[in-house]
Amino acid sequence: MNYGMSRTINRPFDEVNAEVRAVLAEQGFGIVSEIDMQATLRNKIGVEIEPQLILGACNPKFAHRAIQAEPSIGLLLPCNVVIRKTDAGTVVEMINPQMMAEITEGPEMKQIADEVTEMLSKALASLK
């Protein structure tokens, strides 16, 4: 199973970052955590990489359902979204929620994963 969904967009990093946040919000996801990998690696070990953010996207209703179905699912939450600059453009990657269903093997998690996959896929597809 592929653990992520991805698109490369031929637009500047900052524009894509703003759009990703907007399309996630349209699908009911908020950003509950953010890691600036470029700044972190520069500050911690003195290396330079292209801009890269890891966003922790969370839809509270689905998170609640998932925790009710599988109390330890917090190990796999929130849904990570990566935005990174490459020579080919700005890459947007989103975790494949089907991983949660595969790991937990519960029918309730499968249904939740299907719904979240649909929402994240819509968000990814709607990027210009």
N, C-alpha and C. Protein backbone atom coordinates (compact mmCIF):
# COMPACT_ATOMS: atom_id res chain seq x y z
N MET A 1 0.84 -1.19 0.00
CA MET A 1 0.00 0.00 0.00
C MET A 1 0.88 1.24 0.00
N ASN A 2 0.52 2.19 -0.84
CA ASN A 2 1.23 3.46 -0.88
C ASN A 2 0.83 4.26 0.35
N TYR A 3 1.77 4.76 1.11
CA TYR A 3 1.44 5.44 2.35
C TYR A 3 1.11 6.92 2.17
N GLY A 4 1.20 7.42 0.92
CA GLY A 4 0.87 8.82 0.69
C GLY A 4 0.23 9.07 -0.66
N MET A 5 -0.39 10.26 -0.76
CA MET A 5 -0.95 10.75 -2.01
C MET A 5 -0.17 12.02 -2.33
N SER A 6 0.11 12.26 -3.61
CA SER A 6 1.02 13.35 -3.93
C SER A 6 0.65 14.07 -5.23
N ARG A 7 0.96 15.36 -5.26
CA ARG A 7 0.86 16.17 -6.48
C ARG A 7 2.01 17.14 -6.50
N THR A 8 2.52 17.40 -7.71
CA THR A 8 3.53 18.43 -7.89
C THR A 8 2.87 19.58 -8.64
N ILE A 9 3.03 20.78 -8.09
CA ILE A 9 2.36 21.96 -8.63
C ILE A 9 3.43 22.96 -9.06
N ASN A 10 3.29 23.48 -10.25
CA ASN A 10 4.28 24.41 -10.79
C ASN A 10 3.95 25.84 -10.38
N ARG A 11 4.03 26.07 -9.07
CA ARG A 11 3.81 27.41 -8.51
C ARG A 11 4.73 27.59 -7.32
N PRO A 12 4.97 28.84 -6.92
CA PRO A 12 5.85 29.09 -5.77
C PRO A 12 5.36 28.44 -4.48
N PHE A 13 6.31 28.04 -3.68
CA PHE A 13 6.07 27.37 -2.40
C PHE A 13 5.05 28.12 -1.54
N ASP A 14 5.26 29.41 -1.34
CA ASP A 14 4.38 30.18 -0.46
C ASP A 14 2.94 30.22 -0.95
N GLU A 15 2.74 30.31 -2.26
CA GLU A 15 1.39 30.30 -2.83
C GLU A 15 0.71 28.95 -2.58
N VAL A 16 1.46 27.88 -2.83
CA VAL A 16 0.90 26.54 -2.64
C VAL A 16 0.61 26.30 -1.17
N ASN A 17 1.48 26.73 -0.29
CA ASN A 17 1.27 26.58 1.15
C ASN A 17 -0.06 27.22 1.56
N ALA A 18 -0.30 28.44 1.13
CA ALA A 18 -1.55 29.13 1.46
C ALA A 18 -2.75 28.39 0.89
N GLU A 19 -2.64 27.91 -0.34
CA GLU A 19 -3.76 27.21 -0.96
C GLU A 19 -4.03 25.87 -0.27
N VAL A 20 -2.99 25.15 0.11
CA VAL A 20 -3.17 23.87 0.81
C VAL A 20 -3.96 24.08 2.09
N ARG A 21 -3.60 25.09 2.85
CA ARG A 21 -4.31 25.39 4.09
C ARG A 21 -5.78 25.70 3.82
N ALA A 22 -6.03 26.45 2.75
CA ALA A 22 -7.41 26.82 2.41
C ALA A 22 -8.23 25.60 1.99
N VAL A 23 -7.67 24.74 1.14
CA VAL A 23 -8.45 23.58 0.67
C VAL A 23 -8.65 22.57 1.80
N LEU A 24 -7.71 22.48 2.71
CA LEU A 24 -7.91 21.61 3.87
C LEU A 24 -9.05 22.15 4.74
N ALA A 25 -9.06 23.46 4.94
CA ALA A 25 -10.12 24.07 5.74
C ALA A 25 -11.49 23.85 5.09
N GLU A 26 -11.55 23.93 3.77
CA GLU A 26 -12.81 23.67 3.07
C GLU A 26 -13.32 22.26 3.32
N GLN A 27 -12.42 21.33 3.58
CA GLN A 27 -12.80 19.95 3.85
C GLN A 27 -12.95 19.68 5.36
N GLY A 28 -12.89 20.73 6.17
CA GLY A 28 -13.11 20.58 7.60
C GLY A 28 -11.88 20.27 8.43
N PHE A 29 -10.69 20.45 7.86
CA PHE A 29 -9.45 20.18 8.57
C PHE A 29 -8.82 21.47 9.07
N GLY A 30 -8.38 21.44 10.31
CA GLY A 30 -7.59 22.53 10.86
C GLY A 30 -6.15 22.07 10.99
N ILE A 31 -5.25 23.02 11.09
CA ILE A 31 -3.83 22.70 11.28
C ILE A 31 -3.54 22.79 12.78
N VAL A 32 -3.22 21.65 13.38
CA VAL A 32 -2.98 21.60 14.82
C VAL A 32 -1.50 21.58 15.18
N SER A 33 -0.66 21.34 14.17
CA SER A 33 0.78 21.37 14.40
C SER A 33 1.47 21.74 13.09
N GLU A 34 2.65 22.30 13.22
CA GLU A 34 3.43 22.69 12.05
C GLU A 34 4.91 22.58 12.38
N ILE A 35 5.64 21.91 11.50
CA ILE A 35 7.08 21.80 11.66
C ILE A 35 7.73 22.37 10.41
N ASP A 36 8.56 23.38 10.60
CA ASP A 36 9.33 23.97 9.51
C ASP A 36 10.66 23.20 9.46
N MET A 37 10.73 22.22 8.57
CA MET A 37 11.91 21.36 8.51
C MET A 37 13.15 22.13 8.10
N GLN A 38 13.01 23.11 7.20
CA GLN A 38 14.15 23.91 6.77
C GLN A 38 14.77 24.63 7.97
N ALA A 39 13.94 25.31 8.76
CA ALA A 39 14.45 26.04 9.93
C ALA A 39 14.96 25.09 11.00
N THR A 40 14.26 24.00 11.23
CA THR A 40 14.67 23.05 12.27
C THR A 40 16.03 22.45 11.97
N LEU A 41 16.23 22.00 10.74
CA LEU A 41 17.52 21.38 10.40
C LEU A 41 18.65 22.42 10.38
N ARG A 42 18.34 23.63 9.95
CA ARG A 42 19.35 24.69 9.98
C ARG A 42 19.76 24.97 11.42
N ASN A 43 18.78 25.12 12.31
CA ASN A 43 19.06 25.48 13.70
C ASN A 43 19.67 24.35 14.52
N LYS A 44 19.26 23.11 14.24
CA LYS A 44 19.71 21.98 15.06
C LYS A 44 21.02 21.36 14.60
N ILE A 45 21.21 21.26 13.27
CA ILE A 45 22.43 20.58 12.80
C ILE A 45 23.18 21.36 11.71
N GLY A 46 22.74 22.59 11.44
CA GLY A 46 23.47 23.45 10.53
C GLY A 46 23.43 23.07 9.06
N VAL A 47 22.41 22.35 8.64
CA VAL A 47 22.31 21.99 7.22
C VAL A 47 21.19 22.80 6.57
N GLU A 48 21.32 22.98 5.26
CA GLU A 48 20.32 23.71 4.49
C GLU A 48 19.58 22.75 3.57
N ILE A 49 18.27 22.85 3.59
CA ILE A 49 17.43 22.12 2.65
C ILE A 49 16.46 23.13 2.04
N GLU A 50 15.81 22.71 0.97
CA GLU A 50 14.77 23.54 0.38
C GLU A 50 13.62 23.68 1.38
N PRO A 51 12.78 24.71 1.22
CA PRO A 51 11.64 24.85 2.13
C PRO A 51 10.80 23.58 2.19
N GLN A 52 10.44 23.20 3.41
CA GLN A 52 9.61 22.02 3.63
C GLN A 52 8.85 22.18 4.95
N LEU A 53 7.54 22.03 4.87
CA LEU A 53 6.69 22.09 6.05
C LEU A 53 5.99 20.75 6.25
N ILE A 54 5.84 20.37 7.49
CA ILE A 54 5.00 19.23 7.84
C ILE A 54 3.85 19.80 8.65
N LEU A 55 2.65 19.69 8.08
CA LEU A 55 1.45 20.18 8.75
C LEU A 55 0.69 19.01 9.35
N GLY A 56 0.25 19.17 10.57
CA GLY A 56 -0.62 18.17 11.20
C GLY A 56 -2.06 18.61 11.01
N ALA A 57 -2.76 17.97 10.07
CA ALA A 57 -4.14 18.34 9.75
C ALA A 57 -5.09 17.45 10.55
N CYS A 58 -6.10 18.09 11.14
CA CYS A 58 -7.04 17.34 11.96
C CYS A 58 -8.46 17.78 11.68
N ASN A 59 -9.33 16.81 11.50
CA ASN A 59 -10.77 17.05 11.43
C ASN A 59 -11.31 16.50 12.75
N PRO A 60 -11.71 17.38 13.67
CA PRO A 60 -12.09 16.92 15.02
C PRO A 60 -13.18 15.85 15.05
N LYS A 61 -14.16 15.94 14.17
CA LYS A 61 -15.24 14.94 14.18
C LYS A 61 -14.70 13.55 13.83
N PHE A 62 -13.82 13.50 12.84
CA PHE A 62 -13.25 12.21 12.45
C PHE A 62 -12.25 11.72 13.49
N ALA A 63 -11.49 12.64 14.08
CA ALA A 63 -10.54 12.25 15.14
C ALA A 63 -11.30 11.63 16.31
N HIS A 64 -12.42 12.24 16.68
CA HIS A 64 -13.22 11.71 17.78
C HIS A 64 -13.75 10.32 17.45
N ARG A 65 -14.29 10.17 16.24
CA ARG A 65 -14.81 8.85 15.83
C ARG A 65 -13.69 7.81 15.86
N ALA A 66 -12.52 8.20 15.37
CA ALA A 66 -11.40 7.26 15.31
C ALA A 66 -10.96 6.85 16.71
N ILE A 67 -10.90 7.79 17.63
CA ILE A 67 -10.49 7.48 19.00
C ILE A 67 -11.53 6.59 19.69
N GLN A 68 -12.80 6.80 19.36
CA GLN A 68 -13.85 5.94 19.92
C GLN A 68 -13.71 4.52 19.39
N ALA A 69 -13.37 4.38 18.13
CA ALA A 69 -13.24 3.05 17.52
C ALA A 69 -11.95 2.36 17.92
N GLU A 70 -10.90 3.13 18.08
CA GLU A 70 -9.57 2.56 18.36
C GLU A 70 -8.82 3.54 19.27
N PRO A 71 -8.86 3.34 20.59
CA PRO A 71 -8.28 4.31 21.52
C PRO A 71 -6.81 4.64 21.27
N SER A 72 -6.05 3.73 20.71
CA SER A 72 -4.62 4.00 20.46
C SER A 72 -4.35 4.66 19.12
N ILE A 73 -5.39 5.03 18.39
CA ILE A 73 -5.21 5.61 17.06
C ILE A 73 -4.47 6.95 17.12
N GLY A 74 -4.43 7.56 18.29
CA GLY A 74 -3.67 8.80 18.44
C GLY A 74 -2.23 8.68 18.00
N LEU A 75 -1.71 7.46 18.01
CA LEU A 75 -0.35 7.24 17.50
C LEU A 75 -0.23 7.60 16.02
N LEU A 76 -1.34 7.57 15.30
CA LEU A 76 -1.33 7.84 13.86
C LEU A 76 -1.97 9.18 13.51
N LEU A 77 -2.34 9.95 14.51
CA LEU A 77 -2.96 11.25 14.27
C LEU A 77 -1.97 12.36 14.61
N PRO A 78 -2.11 13.54 14.06
CA PRO A 78 -3.04 13.96 13.02
C PRO A 78 -2.57 13.47 11.65
N CYS A 79 -3.35 13.78 10.63
CA CYS A 79 -2.98 13.43 9.26
C CYS A 79 -1.85 14.37 8.83
N ASN A 80 -0.71 13.81 8.48
CA ASN A 80 0.40 14.64 8.05
C ASN A 80 0.25 15.07 6.60
N VAL A 81 0.55 16.34 6.38
CA VAL A 81 0.57 16.92 5.05
C VAL A 81 1.94 17.59 4.90
N VAL A 82 2.65 17.23 3.84
CA VAL A 82 3.98 17.80 3.60
C VAL A 82 3.92 18.70 2.37
N ILE A 83 4.50 19.86 2.51
CA ILE A 83 4.64 20.79 1.39
C ILE A 83 6.13 21.05 1.26
N ARG A 84 6.70 20.74 0.08
CA ARG A 84 8.14 20.92 -0.08
C ARG A 84 8.49 21.43 -1.47
N LYS A 85 9.50 22.27 -1.49
CA LYS A 85 9.97 22.84 -2.75
C LYS A 85 10.97 21.87 -3.38
N THR A 86 10.81 21.63 -4.69
CA THR A 86 11.76 20.80 -5.44
C THR A 86 12.07 21.51 -6.76
N ASP A 87 13.03 20.98 -7.50
CA ASP A 87 13.34 21.54 -8.82
C ASP A 87 12.16 21.40 -9.78
N ALA A 88 11.32 20.41 -9.55
CA ALA A 88 10.17 20.16 -10.43
C ALA A 88 8.95 21.01 -10.07
N GLY A 89 8.98 21.69 -8.94
CA GLY A 89 7.85 22.48 -8.48
C GLY A 89 7.63 22.26 -7.00
N THR A 90 6.46 22.63 -6.53
CA THR A 90 6.12 22.44 -5.12
C THR A 90 5.34 21.14 -4.98
N VAL A 91 5.86 20.25 -4.19
CA VAL A 91 5.24 18.94 -3.98
C VAL A 91 4.35 19.02 -2.75
N VAL A 92 3.12 18.51 -2.90
CA VAL A 92 2.19 18.40 -1.78
C VAL A 92 1.91 16.91 -1.60
N GLU A 93 2.18 16.43 -0.39
CA GLU A 93 1.97 15.02 -0.07
C GLU A 93 1.05 14.93 1.14
N MET A 94 0.12 14.00 1.08
CA MET A 94 -0.79 13.78 2.20
C MET A 94 -0.77 12.30 2.56
N ILE A 95 -0.83 12.04 3.85
CA ILE A 95 -0.86 10.66 4.32
C ILE A 95 -2.08 9.95 3.72
N ASN A 96 -1.92 8.69 3.41
CA ASN A 96 -3.04 7.89 2.95
C ASN A 96 -3.74 7.32 4.18
N PRO A 97 -4.95 7.81 4.50
CA PRO A 97 -5.64 7.34 5.70
C PRO A 97 -5.93 5.84 5.70
N GLN A 98 -5.87 5.21 4.56
CA GLN A 98 -6.09 3.75 4.51
C GLN A 98 -5.06 3.01 5.35
N MET A 99 -3.94 3.65 5.61
CA MET A 99 -2.92 3.04 6.48
C MET A 99 -3.51 2.76 7.87
N MET A 100 -4.33 3.70 8.36
CA MET A 100 -4.95 3.50 9.68
C MET A 100 -5.82 2.25 9.69
N ALA A 101 -6.60 2.09 8.63
CA ALA A 101 -7.49 0.93 8.56
C ALA A 101 -6.68 -0.36 8.44
N GLU A 102 -5.61 -0.30 7.68
CA GLU A 102 -4.79 -1.51 7.50
C GLU A 102 -4.10 -1.91 8.80
N ILE A 103 -3.60 -0.94 9.52
CA ILE A 103 -2.89 -1.23 10.77
C ILE A 103 -3.85 -1.73 11.85
N THR A 104 -5.01 -1.09 11.98
CA THR A 104 -5.93 -1.45 13.05
C THR A 104 -6.83 -2.63 12.71
N GLU A 105 -7.07 -2.84 11.43
CA GLU A 105 -7.88 -3.95 10.93
C GLU A 105 -9.31 -3.96 11.46
N GLY A 106 -9.82 -2.80 11.87
CA GLY A 106 -11.19 -2.74 12.37
C GLY A 106 -12.14 -2.20 11.32
N PRO A 107 -13.36 -2.75 11.26
CA PRO A 107 -14.33 -2.28 10.26
C PRO A 107 -14.72 -0.82 10.46
N GLU A 108 -14.78 -0.36 11.70
CA GLU A 108 -15.11 1.05 11.94
C GLU A 108 -14.00 1.95 11.41
N MET A 109 -12.75 1.53 11.61
CA MET A 109 -11.63 2.34 11.12
C MET A 109 -11.60 2.35 9.60
N LYS A 110 -12.02 1.27 8.97
CA LYS A 110 -12.07 1.22 7.51
C LYS A 110 -13.05 2.27 6.99
N GLN A 111 -14.21 2.35 7.61
CA GLN A 111 -15.21 3.33 7.18
C GLN A 111 -14.69 4.76 7.38
N ILE A 112 -14.10 5.03 8.53
CA ILE A 112 -13.54 6.35 8.81
C ILE A 112 -12.44 6.67 7.81
N ALA A 113 -11.55 5.72 7.58
CA ALA A 113 -10.45 5.92 6.64
C ALA A 113 -10.97 6.20 5.23
N ASP A 114 -12.02 5.51 4.83
CA ASP A 114 -12.61 5.76 3.50
C ASP A 114 -13.10 7.19 3.40
N GLU A 115 -13.79 7.66 4.43
CA GLU A 115 -14.34 9.02 4.40
C GLU A 115 -13.23 10.07 4.42
N VAL A 116 -12.22 9.87 5.25
CA VAL A 116 -11.12 10.83 5.33
C VAL A 116 -10.30 10.81 4.04
N THR A 117 -10.12 9.63 3.46
CA THR A 117 -9.41 9.53 2.19
C THR A 117 -10.13 10.35 1.12
N GLU A 118 -11.44 10.24 1.09
CA GLU A 118 -12.22 11.00 0.11
C GLU A 118 -12.02 12.50 0.31
N MET A 119 -12.04 12.95 1.55
CA MET A 119 -11.89 14.38 1.83
C MET A 119 -10.49 14.87 1.48
N LEU A 120 -9.47 14.12 1.87
CA LEU A 120 -8.10 14.55 1.53
C LEU A 120 -7.85 14.49 0.04
N SER A 121 -8.41 13.49 -0.62
CA SER A 121 -8.26 13.39 -2.09
C SER A 121 -8.90 14.58 -2.77
N LYS A 122 -10.07 15.00 -2.29
CA LYS A 122 -10.73 16.19 -2.86
C LYS A 122 -9.86 17.42 -2.66
N ALA A 123 -9.31 17.56 -1.47
CA ALA A 123 -8.44 18.71 -1.19
C ALA A 123 -7.24 18.72 -2.14
N LEU A 124 -6.60 17.57 -2.28
CA LEU A 124 -5.42 17.47 -3.14
C LEU A 124 -5.78 17.74 -4.60
N ALA A 125 -6.88 17.20 -5.05
CA ALA A 125 -7.31 17.37 -6.44
C ALA A 125 -7.72 18.81 -6.74
N SER A 126 -8.17 19.54 -5.74
CA SER A 126 -8.65 20.89 -5.98
C SER A 126 -7.53 21.93 -6.05
N LEU A 127 -6.30 21.52 -5.74
CA LEU A 127 -5.18 22.46 -5.86
C LEU A 127 -4.98 22.84 -7.31
N LYS A 128 -4.78 24.12 -7.56
CA LYS A 128 -4.63 24.62 -8.94
C LYS A 128 -3.23 24.41 -9.45
